Amino acid sequence: MGKLIRFLGGAALGAAIGTTAAMFLAPQSGKDLQGRLMARREAAMAAGRAEAAGYSKREQHDGKSGEE
């Protein structure tokens, strides 16, 4: 039982040290990162919508309705 307690204590200490190091070494704050990710997501969504609209227009131009 003593080995298990020592192992769990070491794991908890290692996790705490790792979390602290990650916080200090992160290149930007959480809010900044969240904003950048949201902007990239919106850009990807807009590009997908534009591609879908272009596909739909090409499909209509070719005379295909997508129904069989």
Protein backbone atom coordinates (compact mmCIF):
# COMPACT_ATOMS: atom_id res chain seq x y z
CA MET A 1 0.00 0.00 0.00
CA GLY A 2 2.89 2.35 0.73
CA LYS A 3 4.27 1.96 -2.81
CA LEU A 4 0.89 2.89 -4.28
CA ILE A 5 0.68 6.03 -2.14
CA ARG A 6 4.20 7.06 -3.12
CA PHE A 7 3.44 6.39 -6.80
CA LEU A 8 0.21 8.43 -6.73
CA GLY A 9 1.95 11.26 -4.88
CA GLY A 10 4.72 11.34 -7.46
CA ALA A 11 2.22 11.28 -10.32
CA ALA A 12 0.28 14.18 -8.78
CA LEU A 13 3.48 16.16 -8.22
CA GLY A 14 4.59 15.52 -11.79
CA ALA A 15 1.21 16.63 -13.14
CA ALA A 16 1.35 19.82 -11.08
CA ILE A 17 4.87 20.62 -12.29
CA GLY A 18 3.90 19.91 -15.90
CA THR A 19 0.81 22.11 -15.68
CA THR A 20 2.79 24.97 -14.16
CA ALA A 21 5.50 24.70 -16.81
CA ALA A 22 2.89 24.67 -19.60
CA MET A 23 1.25 27.80 -18.23
CA PHE A 24 4.54 29.70 -18.14
CA LEU A 25 5.79 28.43 -21.50
CA ALA A 26 2.56 28.92 -23.48
CA PRO A 27 3.11 31.32 -26.39
CA GLN A 28 -0.16 33.19 -25.80
CA SER A 29 -2.98 33.50 -23.33
CA GLY A 30 -6.04 31.30 -23.45
CA LYS A 31 -8.27 34.15 -24.62
CA ASP A 32 -5.89 34.99 -27.48
CA LEU A 33 -5.68 31.37 -28.55
CA GLN A 34 -9.45 30.96 -28.34
CA GLY A 35 -9.94 34.04 -30.51
CA ARG A 36 -7.50 32.80 -33.13
CA LEU A 37 -9.14 29.38 -33.24
CA MET A 38 -12.59 30.93 -33.61
CA ALA A 39 -11.34 33.12 -36.48
CA ARG A 40 -9.82 30.11 -38.25
CA ARG A 41 -13.04 28.14 -37.75
CA GLU A 42 -15.12 30.96 -39.22
CA ALA A 43 -12.76 31.25 -42.21
CA ALA A 44 -12.99 27.50 -42.83
CA MET A 45 -16.78 27.60 -42.58
CA ALA A 46 -16.95 30.52 -45.04
CA ALA A 47 -14.67 28.70 -47.48
CA GLY A 48 -16.83 25.58 -47.19
CA ARG A 49 -19.99 27.56 -47.85
CA ALA A 50 -18.40 29.23 -50.89
CA GLU A 51 -17.26 25.88 -52.26
CA ALA A 52 -20.69 24.36 -51.69
CA ALA A 53 -22.34 27.29 -53.49
CA GLY A 54 -19.91 26.91 -56.38
CA TYR A 55 -20.57 23.18 -56.57
CA SER A 56 -24.31 23.79 -56.61
CA LYS A 57 -23.95 26.33 -59.43
CA ARG A 58 -21.73 23.96 -61.45
CA GLU A 59 -24.23 21.18 -60.92
CA GLN A 60 -27.09 23.35 -62.20
CA HIS A 61 -24.99 24.49 -65.15
CA ASP A 62 -24.22 20.88 -66.12
CA GLY A 63 -27.93 20.03 -65.97
CA LYS A 64 -27.62 17.67 -63.02
CA SER A 65 -30.00 17.98 -60.13
CA GLY A 66 -28.40 15.40 -57.86
CA GLU A 67 -31.58 13.31 -57.93
CA GLU A 68 -31.72 9.98 -59.69
